[in-house]
Amino acid sequence: MESKEFKTIFTRIKKLMLPYGKKMDIRVDKDDNYQLYILKEIELAGRKYKECYFGGTVIKKTMVAFYFFPIYTHPKEFSIPAPIKKNLKGKSCFNFKKLDDGQEKAIAQLLKEGLDLYKNKFGY
Protein backbone atom coordinates (compact mmCIF):
# COMPACT_ATOMS: atom_id res chain seq x y z
CA MET A 1 0.00 0.00 0.00
CA GLU A 2 1.35 3.43 -0.94
CA SER A 3 2.03 5.95 1.75
CA LYS A 4 1.12 9.64 1.73
CA GLU A 5 4.84 10.36 1.50
CA PHE A 6 5.10 8.32 -1.71
CA LYS A 7 2.16 10.22 -3.22
CA THR A 8 3.88 13.52 -2.34
CA ILE A 9 7.18 12.37 -3.91
CA PHE A 10 5.36 11.19 -7.04
CA THR A 11 3.50 14.50 -7.34
CA ARG A 12 6.73 16.52 -6.99
CA ILE A 13 8.52 14.50 -9.69
CA LYS A 14 5.49 14.56 -11.99
CA LYS A 15 5.30 18.34 -11.58
CA LEU A 16 8.90 18.58 -12.85
CA MET A 17 7.97 16.46 -15.87
CA LEU A 18 4.72 18.21 -16.81
CA PRO A 19 6.32 20.95 -18.95
CA TYR A 20 8.03 18.25 -21.05
CA GLY A 21 4.67 16.60 -21.67
CA LYS A 22 3.60 19.59 -23.75
CA LYS A 23 5.96 18.50 -26.55
CA MET A 24 5.97 14.75 -25.93
CA ASP A 25 3.42 11.96 -25.95
CA ILE A 26 2.03 11.46 -22.47
CA ARG A 27 1.60 7.70 -22.71
CA VAL A 28 0.35 7.22 -19.15
CA ASP A 29 -1.15 9.87 -16.87
CA LYS A 30 -2.61 8.29 -13.74
CA ASP A 31 -2.57 9.07 -10.03
CA ASP A 32 0.39 6.72 -9.56
CA ASN A 33 2.05 6.51 -13.00
CA TYR A 34 3.24 9.14 -15.50
CA GLN A 35 5.20 8.22 -18.66
CA LEU A 36 6.60 10.36 -21.51
CA TYR A 37 7.63 9.31 -25.02
CA ILE A 38 9.22 11.24 -27.86
CA LEU A 39 7.31 10.70 -31.09
CA LYS A 40 10.13 11.09 -33.55
CA GLU A 41 12.01 8.50 -35.54
CA ILE A 42 15.47 8.11 -34.08
CA GLU A 43 18.43 5.81 -34.45
CA LEU A 44 20.09 4.21 -31.44
CA ALA A 45 22.91 1.69 -31.64
CA GLY A 46 22.36 1.26 -35.37
CA ARG A 47 18.62 0.53 -35.05
CA LYS A 48 15.77 2.83 -36.09
CA TYR A 49 12.85 3.43 -33.75
CA LYS A 50 9.60 5.25 -34.50
CA GLU A 51 9.49 6.60 -30.95
CA CYS A 52 11.67 6.78 -27.88
CA TYR A 53 10.90 6.52 -24.19
CA PHE A 54 12.04 9.65 -22.34
CA GLY A 55 11.12 9.07 -18.73
CA GLY A 56 8.48 8.58 -16.12
CA THR A 57 7.62 8.18 -12.50
CA VAL A 58 5.57 5.51 -10.78
CA ILE A 59 4.58 4.69 -7.22
CA LYS A 60 5.76 1.20 -6.31
CA LYS A 61 5.04 -0.79 -3.17
CA THR A 62 8.20 0.24 -1.31
CA MET A 63 9.31 3.43 -3.11
CA VAL A 64 8.72 5.88 -5.93
CA ALA A 65 10.67 5.19 -9.11
CA PHE A 66 11.91 7.84 -11.51
CA TYR A 67 12.94 6.42 -14.89
CA PHE A 68 15.21 8.51 -17.08
CA PHE A 69 15.99 6.93 -20.45
CA PRO A 70 18.55 9.44 -21.81
CA ILE A 71 21.02 8.27 -19.15
CA TYR A 72 20.56 4.72 -20.46
CA THR A 73 20.99 5.60 -24.14
CA HIS A 74 23.89 8.01 -23.58
CA PRO A 75 25.52 7.22 -20.21
CA LYS A 76 28.79 8.99 -21.05
CA GLU A 77 26.91 12.26 -21.63
CA PHE A 78 25.77 12.52 -18.00
CA SER A 79 27.33 12.86 -14.63
CA ILE A 80 24.82 11.89 -12.01
CA PRO A 81 24.25 14.77 -9.58
CA ALA A 82 25.53 13.97 -6.09
CA PRO A 83 22.15 14.39 -4.34
CA ILE A 84 20.64 11.49 -6.31
CA LYS A 85 23.68 9.31 -6.98
CA LYS A 86 22.77 6.88 -4.20
CA ASN A 87 19.22 6.61 -5.56
CA LEU A 88 20.33 5.17 -8.91
CA LYS A 89 19.43 1.49 -9.14
CA GLY A 90 20.46 -0.17 -12.36
CA LYS A 91 21.21 1.96 -15.40
CA SER A 92 18.32 4.42 -15.57
CA CYS A 93 16.03 4.05 -12.54
CA PHE A 94 16.22 6.19 -9.44
CA ASN A 95 14.35 5.00 -6.34
CA PHE A 96 13.07 7.36 -3.66
CA LYS A 97 11.57 6.79 -0.24
CA LYS A 98 12.12 10.46 0.60
CA LEU A 99 12.77 13.45 -1.64
CA ASP A 100 14.50 16.61 -0.46
CA ASP A 101 14.89 19.92 -2.30
CA GLY A 102 18.42 19.08 -3.46
CA GLN A 103 17.24 15.81 -5.00
CA GLU A 104 14.32 17.58 -6.66
CA LYS A 105 16.71 20.12 -8.21
CA ALA A 106 18.95 17.27 -9.41
CA ILE A 107 16.00 15.58 -11.15
CA ALA A 108 15.06 18.89 -12.78
CA GLN A 109 18.67 19.25 -13.98
CA LEU A 110 18.68 15.74 -15.48
CA LEU A 111 15.38 16.34 -17.29
CA LYS A 112 16.71 19.54 -18.85
CA GLU A 113 20.02 17.93 -19.82
CA GLY A 114 18.19 14.92 -21.28
CA LEU A 115 15.95 17.04 -23.46
CA ASP A 116 18.91 19.16 -24.58
CA LEU A 117 20.82 16.00 -25.47
CA TYR A 118 17.93 14.56 -27.49
CA LYS A 119 17.49 17.89 -29.29
CA ASN A 120 21.16 17.89 -30.26
CA LYS A 121 21.40 14.20 -31.17
CA PHE A 122 18.03 13.63 -32.79
CA GLY A 123 16.76 17.10 -33.69
CA TYR A 124 13.83 16.71 -31.38
C-alpha atoms as a PDB file:
ATOM      1  CA  MET A   1       0.000   0.000   0.000  1.00  0.00           C
ATOM      2  CA  GLU A   2       1.346   3.426  -0.936  1.00  0.00           C
ATOM      3  CA  SER A   3       2.034   5.954   1.755  1.00  0.00           C
ATOM      4  CA  LYS A   4       1.118   9.642   1.734  1.00  0.00           C
ATOM      5  CA  GLU A   5       4.835  10.358   1.499  1.00  0.00           C
ATOM      6  CA  PHE A   6       5.103   8.324  -1.713  1.00  0.00           C
ATOM      7  CA  LYS A   7       2.162  10.216  -3.216  1.00  0.00           C
ATOM      8  CA  THR A   8       3.884  13.516  -2.340  1.00  0.00           C
ATOM      9  CA  ILE A   9       7.177  12.368  -3.910  1.00  0.00           C
ATOM     10  CA  PHE A  10       5.361  11.188  -7.041  1.00  0.00           C
ATOM     11  CA  THR A  11       3.504  14.500  -7.338  1.00  0.00           C
ATOM     12  CA  ARG A  12       6.728  16.517  -6.986  1.00  0.00           C
ATOM     13  CA  ILE A  13       8.519  14.499  -9.687  1.00  0.00           C
ATOM     14  CA  LYS A  14       5.493  14.555 -11.988  1.00  0.00           C
ATOM     15  CA  LYS A  15       5.296  18.336 -11.579  1.00  0.00           C
ATOM     16  CA  LEU A  16       8.896  18.581 -12.845  1.00  0.00           C
ATOM     17  CA  MET A  17       7.972  16.457 -15.867  1.00  0.00           C
ATOM     18  CA  LEU A  18       4.722  18.213 -16.805  1.00  0.00           C
ATOM     19  CA  PRO A  19       6.323  20.948 -18.949  1.00  0.00           C
ATOM     20  CA  TYR A  20       8.028  18.246 -21.047  1.00  0.00           C
ATOM     21  CA  GLY A  21       4.669  16.600 -21.671  1.00  0.00           C
ATOM     22  CA  LYS A  22       3.602  19.587 -23.754  1.00  0.00           C
ATOM     23  CA  LYS A  23       5.964  18.497 -26.547  1.00  0.00           C
ATOM     24  CA  MET A  24       5.967  14.748 -25.933  1.00  0.00           C
ATOM     25  CA  ASP A  25       3.422  11.963 -25.948  1.00  0.00           C
ATOM     26  CA  ILE A  26       2.026  11.458 -22.468  1.00  0.00           C
ATOM     27  CA  ARG A  27       1.600   7.705 -22.710  1.00  0.00           C
ATOM     28  CA  VAL A  28       0.350   7.220 -19.152  1.00  0.00           C
ATOM     29  CA  ASP A  29      -1.152   9.866 -16.871  1.00  0.00           C
ATOM     30  CA  LYS A  30      -2.609   8.294 -13.741  1.00  0.00           C
ATOM     31  CA  ASP A  31      -2.566   9.071 -10.033  1.00  0.00           C
ATOM     32  CA  ASP A  32       0.388   6.718  -9.563  1.00  0.00           C
ATOM     33  CA  ASN A  33       2.051   6.513 -12.995  1.00  0.00           C
ATOM     34  CA  TYR A  34       3.239   9.143 -15.500  1.00  0.00           C
ATOM     35  CA  GLN A  35       5.198   8.224 -18.657  1.00  0.00           C
ATOM     36  CA  LEU A  36       6.596  10.356 -21.513  1.00  0.00           C
ATOM     37  CA  TYR A  37       7.625   9.306 -25.024  1.00  0.00           C
ATOM     38  CA  ILE A  38       9.220  11.243 -27.859  1.00  0.00           C
ATOM     39  CA  LEU A  39       7.307  10.696 -31.088  1.00  0.00           C
ATOM     40  CA  LYS A  40      10.133  11.087 -33.552  1.00  0.00           C
ATOM     41  CA  GLU A  41      12.011   8.505 -35.545  1.00  0.00           C
ATOM     42  CA  ILE A  42      15.469   8.115 -34.075  1.00  0.00           C
ATOM     43  CA  GLU A  43      18.432   5.813 -34.452  1.00  0.00           C
ATOM     44  CA  LEU A  44      20.089   4.208 -31.440  1.00  0.00           C
ATOM     45  CA  ALA A  45      22.915   1.692 -31.644  1.00  0.00           C
ATOM     46  CA  GLY A  46      22.357   1.260 -35.368  1.00  0.00           C
ATOM     47  CA  ARG A  47      18.616   0.532 -35.054  1.00  0.00           C
ATOM     48  CA  LYS A  48      15.770   2.830 -36.089  1.00  0.00           C
ATOM     49  CA  TYR A  49      12.851   3.427 -33.749  1.00  0.00           C
ATOM     50  CA  LYS A  50       9.596   5.249 -34.495  1.00  0.00           C
ATOM     51  CA  GLU A  51       9.495   6.604 -30.953  1.00  0.00           C
ATOM     52  CA  CYS A  52      11.669   6.784 -27.881  1.00  0.00           C
ATOM     53  CA  TYR A  53      10.901   6.523 -24.190  1.00  0.00           C
ATOM     54  CA  PHE A  54      12.035   9.651 -22.342  1.00  0.00           C
ATOM     55  CA  GLY A  55      11.115   9.069 -18.728  1.00  0.00           C
ATOM     56  CA  GLY A  56       8.478   8.581 -16.121  1.00  0.00           C
ATOM     57  CA  THR A  57       7.620   8.179 -12.504  1.00  0.00           C
ATOM     58  CA  VAL A  58       5.570   5.512 -10.776  1.00  0.00           C
ATOM     59  CA  ILE A  59       4.582   4.690  -7.222  1.00  0.00           C
ATOM     60  CA  LYS A  60       5.758   1.199  -6.311  1.00  0.00           C
ATOM     61  CA  LYS A  61       5.041  -0.794  -3.174  1.00  0.00           C
ATOM     62  CA  THR A  62       8.204   0.236  -1.308  1.00  0.00           C
ATOM     63  CA  MET A  63       9.310   3.429  -3.114  1.00  0.00           C
ATOM     64  CA  VAL A  64       8.721   5.882  -5.931  1.00  0.00           C
ATOM     65  CA  ALA A  65      10.668   5.190  -9.109  1.00  0.00           C
ATOM     66  CA  PHE A  66      11.913   7.843 -11.510  1.00  0.00           C
ATOM     67  CA  TYR A  67      12.936   6.418 -14.891  1.00  0.00           C
ATOM     68  CA  PHE A  68      15.215   8.509 -17.079  1.00  0.00           C
ATOM     69  CA  PHE A  69      15.986   6.931 -20.450  1.00  0.00           C
ATOM     70  CA  PRO A  70      18.551   9.438 -21.809  1.00  0.00           C
ATOM     71  CA  ILE A  71      21.015   8.274 -19.150  1.00  0.00           C
ATOM     72  CA  TYR A  72      20.557   4.719 -20.464  1.00  0.00           C
ATOM     73  CA  THR A  73      20.995   5.600 -24.141  1.00  0.00           C
ATOM     74  CA  HIS A  74      23.887   8.009 -23.583  1.00  0.00           C
ATOM     75  CA  PRO A  75      25.524   7.215 -20.212  1.00  0.00           C
ATOM     76  CA  LYS A  76      28.785   8.993 -21.053  1.00  0.00           C
ATOM     77  CA  GLU A  77      26.910  12.261 -21.631  1.00  0.00           C
ATOM     78  CA  PHE A  78      25.772  12.515 -18.000  1.00  0.00           C
ATOM     79  CA  SER A  79      27.333  12.862 -14.633  1.00  0.00           C
ATOM     80  CA  ILE A  80      24.821  11.888 -12.006  1.00  0.00           C
ATOM     81  CA  PRO A  81      24.248  14.769  -9.581  1.00  0.00           C
ATOM     82  CA  ALA A  82      25.529  13.971  -6.089  1.00  0.00           C
ATOM     83  CA  PRO A  83      22.153  14.394  -4.336  1.00  0.00           C
ATOM     84  CA  ILE A  84      20.639  11.485  -6.306  1.00  0.00           C
ATOM     85  CA  LYS A  85      23.681   9.315  -6.983  1.00  0.00           C
ATOM     86  CA  LYS A  86      22.772   6.883  -4.197  1.00  0.00           C
ATOM     87  CA  ASN A  87      19.220   6.606  -5.560  1.00  0.00           C
ATOM     88  CA  LEU A  88      20.328   5.166  -8.915  1.00  0.00           C
ATOM     89  CA  LYS A  89      19.430   1.487  -9.136  1.00  0.00           C
ATOM     90  CA  GLY A  90      20.461  -0.171 -12.359  1.00  0.00           C
ATOM     91  CA  LYS A  91      21.206   1.958 -15.396  1.00  0.00           C
ATOM     92  CA  SER A  92      18.317   4.415 -15.571  1.00  0.00           C
ATOM     93  CA  CYS A  93      16.034   4.045 -12.541  1.00  0.00           C
ATOM     94  CA  PHE A  94      16.224   6.185  -9.443  1.00  0.00           C
ATOM     95  CA  ASN A  95      14.347   5.001  -6.341  1.00  0.00           C
ATOM     96  CA  PHE A  96      13.067   7.363  -3.663  1.00  0.00           C
ATOM     97  CA  LYS A  97      11.571   6.794  -0.239  1.00  0.00           C
ATOM     98  CA  LYS A  98      12.117  10.461   0.604  1.00  0.00           C
ATOM     99  CA  LEU A  99      12.768  13.455  -1.637  1.00  0.00           C
ATOM    100  CA  ASP A 100      14.504  16.607  -0.455  1.00  0.00           C
ATOM    101  CA  ASP A 101      14.891  19.917  -2.295  1.00  0.00           C
ATOM    102  CA  GLY A 102      18.421  19.077  -3.458  1.00  0.00           C
ATOM    103  CA  GLN A 103      17.237  15.814  -4.999  1.00  0.00           C
ATOM    104  CA  GLU A 104      14.318  17.583  -6.659  1.00  0.00           C
ATOM    105  CA  LYS A 105      16.712  20.116  -8.212  1.00  0.00           C
ATOM    106  CA  ALA A 106      18.950  17.272  -9.408  1.00  0.00           C
ATOM    107  CA  ILE A 107      16.001  15.583 -11.146  1.00  0.00           C
ATOM    108  CA  ALA A 108      15.062  18.893 -12.783  1.00  0.00           C
ATOM    109  CA  GLN A 109      18.674  19.248 -13.978  1.00  0.00           C
ATOM    110  CA  LEU A 110      18.677  15.741 -15.483  1.00  0.00           C
ATOM    111  CA  LEU A 111      15.385  16.341 -17.288  1.00  0.00           C
ATOM    112  CA  LYS A 112      16.709  19.541 -18.852  1.00  0.00           C
ATOM    113  CA  GLU A 113      20.024  17.931 -19.823  1.00  0.00           C
ATOM    114  CA  GLY A 114      18.189  14.920 -21.276  1.00  0.00           C
ATOM    115  CA  LEU A 115      15.946  17.039 -23.459  1.00  0.00           C
ATOM    116  CA  ASP A 116      18.906  19.159 -24.583  1.00  0.00           C
ATOM    117  CA  LEU A 117      20.821  15.998 -25.469  1.00  0.00           C
ATOM    118  CA  TYR A 118      17.927  14.558 -27.490  1.00  0.00           C
ATOM    119  CA  LYS A 119      17.486  17.888 -29.289  1.00  0.00           C
ATOM    120  CA  ASN A 120      21.159  17.888 -30.255  1.00  0.00           C
ATOM    121  CA  LYS A 121      21.404  14.198 -31.166  1.00  0.00           C
ATOM    122  CA  PHE A 122      18.026  13.632 -32.792  1.00  0.00           C
ATOM    123  CA  GLY A 123      16.764  17.104 -33.694  1.00  0.00           C
ATOM    124  CA  TYR A 124      13.834  16.711 -31.381  1.00  0.00           C
END
